[in-house]
Structure formats: C-alpha cells, structure tokens
C-alpha atoms as a PDB file:
ATOM      1  CA  UNK A   1     -27.578  16.340   2.944  1.00  0.00           C
ATOM      2  CA  UNK A   2     -24.017  17.473   2.221  1.00  0.00           C
ATOM      3  CA  UNK A   3     -22.501  14.093   3.068  1.00  0.00           C
ATOM      4  CA  UNK A   4     -24.796  12.336   0.603  1.00  0.00           C
ATOM      5  CA  UNK A   5     -23.692  14.755  -2.090  1.00  0.00           C
ATOM      6  CA  UNK A   6     -20.025  14.143  -1.292  1.00  0.00           C
ATOM      7  CA  UNK A   7     -20.535  10.377  -1.389  1.00  0.00           C
ATOM      8  CA  UNK A   8     -22.103  10.630  -4.837  1.00  0.00           C
ATOM      9  CA  UNK A   9     -19.215  12.728  -6.189  1.00  0.00           C
ATOM     10  CA  UNK A  10     -16.536  10.562  -4.538  1.00  0.00           C
ATOM     11  CA  UNK A  11     -18.071   7.274  -5.692  1.00  0.00           C
ATOM     12  CA  UNK A  12     -17.048   8.071  -9.288  1.00  0.00           C
ATOM     13  CA  UNK A  13     -13.437   8.658  -8.260  1.00  0.00           C
ATOM     14  CA  UNK A  14     -12.896   5.561  -6.090  1.00  0.00           C
ATOM     15  CA  UNK A  15     -10.857   2.928  -7.915  1.00  0.00           C
ATOM     16  CA  UNK A  16     -12.309  -0.554  -8.149  1.00  0.00           C
ATOM     17  CA  UNK A  17      -9.547  -2.122 -10.262  1.00  0.00           C
ATOM     18  CA  UNK A  18      -7.160  -2.576  -7.298  1.00  0.00           C
ATOM     19  CA  UNK A  19      -7.084  -5.585  -4.953  1.00  0.00           C
ATOM     20  CA  UNK A  20      -7.882  -5.436  -1.242  1.00  0.00           C
ATOM     21  CA  UNK A  21      -4.820  -4.213   0.664  1.00  0.00           C
ATOM     22  CA  UNK A  22      -4.334  -4.670   4.401  1.00  0.00           C
ATOM     23  CA  UNK A  23      -1.579  -4.414   6.976  1.00  0.00           C
ATOM     24  CA  UNK A  24       0.901  -7.272   6.725  1.00  0.00           C
ATOM     25  CA  UNK A  25       0.639  -7.675   2.947  1.00  0.00           C
ATOM     26  CA  UNK A  26       3.778  -7.572   0.820  1.00  0.00           C
ATOM     27  CA  UNK A  27       2.958  -5.458  -2.215  1.00  0.00           C
ATOM     28  CA  UNK A  28       4.456  -4.022  -5.384  1.00  0.00           C
ATOM     29  CA  UNK A  29       3.187  -0.511  -6.056  1.00  0.00           C
ATOM     30  CA  UNK A  30       3.651   0.691  -9.648  1.00  0.00           C
ATOM     31  CA  UNK A  31       3.915   4.488  -9.572  1.00  0.00           C
ATOM     32  CA  UNK A  32       3.947   6.854 -12.553  1.00  0.00           C
ATOM     33  CA  UNK A  33       6.916   9.243 -12.338  1.00  0.00           C
ATOM     34  CA  UNK A  34       7.214  12.333 -14.523  1.00  0.00           C
ATOM     35  CA  UNK A  35      10.723  13.457 -15.449  1.00  0.00           C
ATOM     36  CA  UNK A  36      10.620  16.487 -17.677  1.00  0.00           C
ATOM     37  CA  UNK A  37       8.293  15.608 -20.533  1.00  0.00           C
ATOM     38  CA  UNK A  38       8.811  11.844 -20.173  1.00  0.00           C
ATOM     39  CA  UNK A  39       6.809   9.491 -17.991  1.00  0.00           C
ATOM     40  CA  UNK A  40       7.917   6.140 -16.614  1.00  0.00           C
ATOM     41  CA  UNK A  41       6.714   3.582 -14.088  1.00  0.00           C
ATOM     42  CA  UNK A  42       8.721   2.941 -10.936  1.00  0.00           C
ATOM     43  CA  UNK A  43       8.039  -0.101  -8.740  1.00  0.00           C
ATOM     44  CA  UNK A  44       8.149   0.205  -4.946  1.00  0.00           C
ATOM     45  CA  UNK A  45       8.082  -3.223  -3.260  1.00  0.00           C
ATOM     46  CA  UNK A  46       7.623  -3.623   0.473  1.00  0.00           C
ATOM     47  CA  UNK A  47       5.467  -4.446   3.495  1.00  0.00           C
ATOM     48  CA  UNK A  48       2.280  -2.525   4.274  1.00  0.00           C
ATOM     49  CA  UNK A  49       2.783  -1.441   7.888  1.00  0.00           C
ATOM     50  CA  UNK A  50      -0.246   0.862   8.166  1.00  0.00           C
ATOM     51  CA  UNK A  51      -3.461   1.755   6.372  1.00  0.00           C
ATOM     52  CA  UNK A  52      -5.281   5.024   6.983  1.00  0.00           C
ATOM     53  CA  UNK A  53      -8.622   6.534   6.063  1.00  0.00           C
ATOM     54  CA  UNK A  54     -11.496   5.149   4.098  1.00  0.00           C
ATOM     55  CA  UNK A  55     -13.223   5.809   0.826  1.00  0.00           C
ATOM     56  CA  UNK A  56     -11.433   8.264  -1.400  1.00  0.00           C
ATOM     57  CA  UNK A  57      -8.981   9.220   1.374  1.00  0.00           C
ATOM     58  CA  UNK A  58      -7.588   5.701   1.850  1.00  0.00           C
ATOM     59  CA  UNK A  59      -3.794   5.525   1.969  1.00  0.00           C
ATOM     60  CA  UNK A  60      -1.170   2.942   2.865  1.00  0.00           C
ATOM     61  CA  UNK A  61       2.307   3.185   4.368  1.00  0.00           C
ATOM     62  CA  UNK A  62       4.756   0.789   2.684  1.00  0.00           C
ATOM     63  CA  UNK A  63       8.189  -0.008   4.140  1.00  0.00           C
ATOM     64  CA  UNK A  64      11.196  -1.634   2.500  1.00  0.00           C
ATOM     65  CA  UNK A  65      14.891  -2.013   3.283  1.00  0.00           C
ATOM     66  CA  UNK A  66      17.157  -0.523   0.654  1.00  0.00           C
ATOM     67  CA  UNK A  67      20.844  -1.304   1.140  1.00  0.00           C
ATOM     68  CA  UNK A  68      20.369  -1.633   4.907  1.00  0.00           C
ATOM     69  CA  UNK A  69      18.384   1.580   5.275  1.00  0.00           C
ATOM     70  CA  UNK A  70      14.639   1.509   5.949  1.00  0.00           C
ATOM     71  CA  UNK A  71      12.589   3.459   3.432  1.00  0.00           C
ATOM     72  CA  UNK A  72       8.910   4.246   4.029  1.00  0.00           C
ATOM     73  CA  UNK A  73       6.536   5.771   1.548  1.00  0.00           C
ATOM     74  CA  UNK A  74       2.868   6.725   1.796  1.00  0.00           C
ATOM     75  CA  UNK A  75       0.594   6.095  -1.175  1.00  0.00           C
ATOM     76  CA  UNK A  76      -2.918   7.395  -1.778  1.00  0.00           C
ATOM     77  CA  UNK A  77      -4.768   4.339  -3.099  1.00  0.00           C
ATOM     78  CA  UNK A  78      -7.151   6.287  -5.354  1.00  0.00           C
ATOM     79  CA  UNK A  79      -4.454   8.493  -6.865  1.00  0.00           C
ATOM     80  CA  UNK A  80      -4.165   8.527 -10.654  1.00  0.00           C
ATOM     81  CA  UNK A  81      -0.368   8.331 -10.212  1.00  0.00           C
ATOM     82  CA  UNK A  82      -0.681   4.689  -9.100  1.00  0.00           C
ATOM     83  CA  UNK A  83      -0.951   2.508 -12.172  1.00  0.00           C
ATOM     84  CA  UNK A  84      -1.148  -0.887 -10.457  1.00  0.00           C
ATOM     85  CA  UNK A  85      -0.742  -2.643  -7.109  1.00  0.00           C
ATOM     86  CA  UNK A  86       0.249  -6.316  -6.909  1.00  0.00           C
ATOM     87  CA  UNK A  87      -0.198  -8.346  -3.728  1.00  0.00           C
ATOM     88  CA  UNK A  88       2.806 -10.675  -3.485  1.00  0.00           C
ATOM     89  CA  UNK A  89       1.998 -12.394  -0.211  1.00  0.00           C
ATOM     90  CA  UNK A  90      -0.401 -12.105   2.695  1.00  0.00           C
ATOM     91  CA  UNK A  91       1.058 -12.362   6.178  1.00  0.00           C
ATOM     92  CA  UNK A  92      -0.702 -13.114   9.436  1.00  0.00           C
ATOM     93  CA  UNK A  93      -0.644 -10.103  11.770  1.00  0.00           C
ATOM     94  CA  UNK A  94      -2.486  -9.295  14.962  1.00  0.00           C
ATOM     95  CA  UNK A  95      -2.154  -5.518  14.976  1.00  0.00           C
ATOM     96  CA  UNK A  96      -3.494  -2.689  12.873  1.00  0.00           C
ATOM     97  CA  UNK A  97      -0.204  -0.776  12.821  1.00  0.00           C
ATOM     98  CA  UNK A  98       3.084  -2.656  12.402  1.00  0.00           C
ATOM     99  CA  UNK A  99       5.434   0.108  13.541  1.00  0.00           C
ATOM    100  CA  UNK A 100       7.445  -2.441  15.547  1.00  0.00           C
ATOM    101  CA  UNK A 101       8.802  -3.763  12.234  1.00  0.00           C
ATOM    102  CA  UNK A 102      11.005  -0.648  12.064  1.00  0.00           C
ATOM    103  CA  UNK A 103      13.211  -2.012  14.850  1.00  0.00           C
ATOM    104  CA  UNK A 104      13.505  -5.581  13.528  1.00  0.00           C
ATOM    105  CA  UNK A 105      16.186  -6.895  11.176  1.00  0.00           C
ATOM    106  CA  UNK A 106      16.909 -10.251   9.565  1.00  0.00           C
ATOM    107  CA  UNK A 107      15.138 -13.362  10.810  1.00  0.00           C
ATOM    108  CA  UNK A 108      13.265 -11.550  13.564  1.00  0.00           C
ATOM    109  CA  UNK A 109      11.519  -9.434  10.915  1.00  0.00           C
ATOM    110  CA  UNK A 110       9.804 -12.453   9.346  1.00  0.00           C
ATOM    111  CA  UNK A 111       6.028 -12.805   9.393  1.00  0.00           C
ATOM    112  CA  UNK A 112       4.001 -15.999   8.943  1.00  0.00           C
ATOM    113  CA  UNK A 113       2.356 -16.276   5.544  1.00  0.00           C
ATOM    114  CA  UNK A 114      -1.360 -16.973   5.268  1.00  0.00           C
ATOM    115  CA  UNK A 115      -1.795 -20.129   3.222  1.00  0.00           C
ATOM    116  CA  UNK A 116      -4.567 -19.916   0.639  1.00  0.00           C
ATOM    117  CA  UNK A 117      -6.112 -22.845  -1.199  1.00  0.00           C
ATOM    118  CA  UNK A 118      -5.847 -22.353  -4.946  1.00  0.00           C
END
C-alpha cells in the first residue's frame, strides 16, 4: 500500500519536458546557479558515462575534459535546478557504464555516432 502512495506523490514531481537520456549521449545540461541574490544559467557539456536509479531518483554522470583535466558531475534529472537538457549526439555503446572513457584521450576516446533518419 505504501509504495502505491509513494508512486502517486512522485508522479507529480517527475519531469516530462526532458528528452530521453542514455549512456553514450553527448549532452548540454543547463544548470541554474545562485550567486548571492542573483541567478544565472551555466552550461555543462559532456558525455553521459553512467545513469543511475529510476523514477524520481534518476541521475546521470556527465564527463568532460576541461583544459586537459577530466571533470565529472552528477545531475539529478528531476531536480528543479536543471532548466534544460539538450542531446547533441547519440553514440553507439555496448555497455551500461562507460568508466573506461576516463583512461582514453584523443582519437581513442571517439565513439561511433548513431545515424538517425530525419
């Protein structure tokens, strides 16, 4: 009985305005940042190397290289701090977790893009 109640409460809070996001996708995550009394949007662009959870607890781990240093950041998909997520490209991957991408640099870090008919 309790799980049904939780599902009803959580269903109102799950965001439906965001696209489907999976491992291997290159995404731009627009995050609201508060600095003092001002608010701005910061864009974090990178590769989704892992996705965790389901429902309201769904989160993604996005990795990018910034000046030769790997930066990883975890985002809660249903958070009100995320204003938008853009999918830039969809890559073909055969694993659920792409942790091996941490060790790759340059050409070896390329993934094959999934071609879509538009």
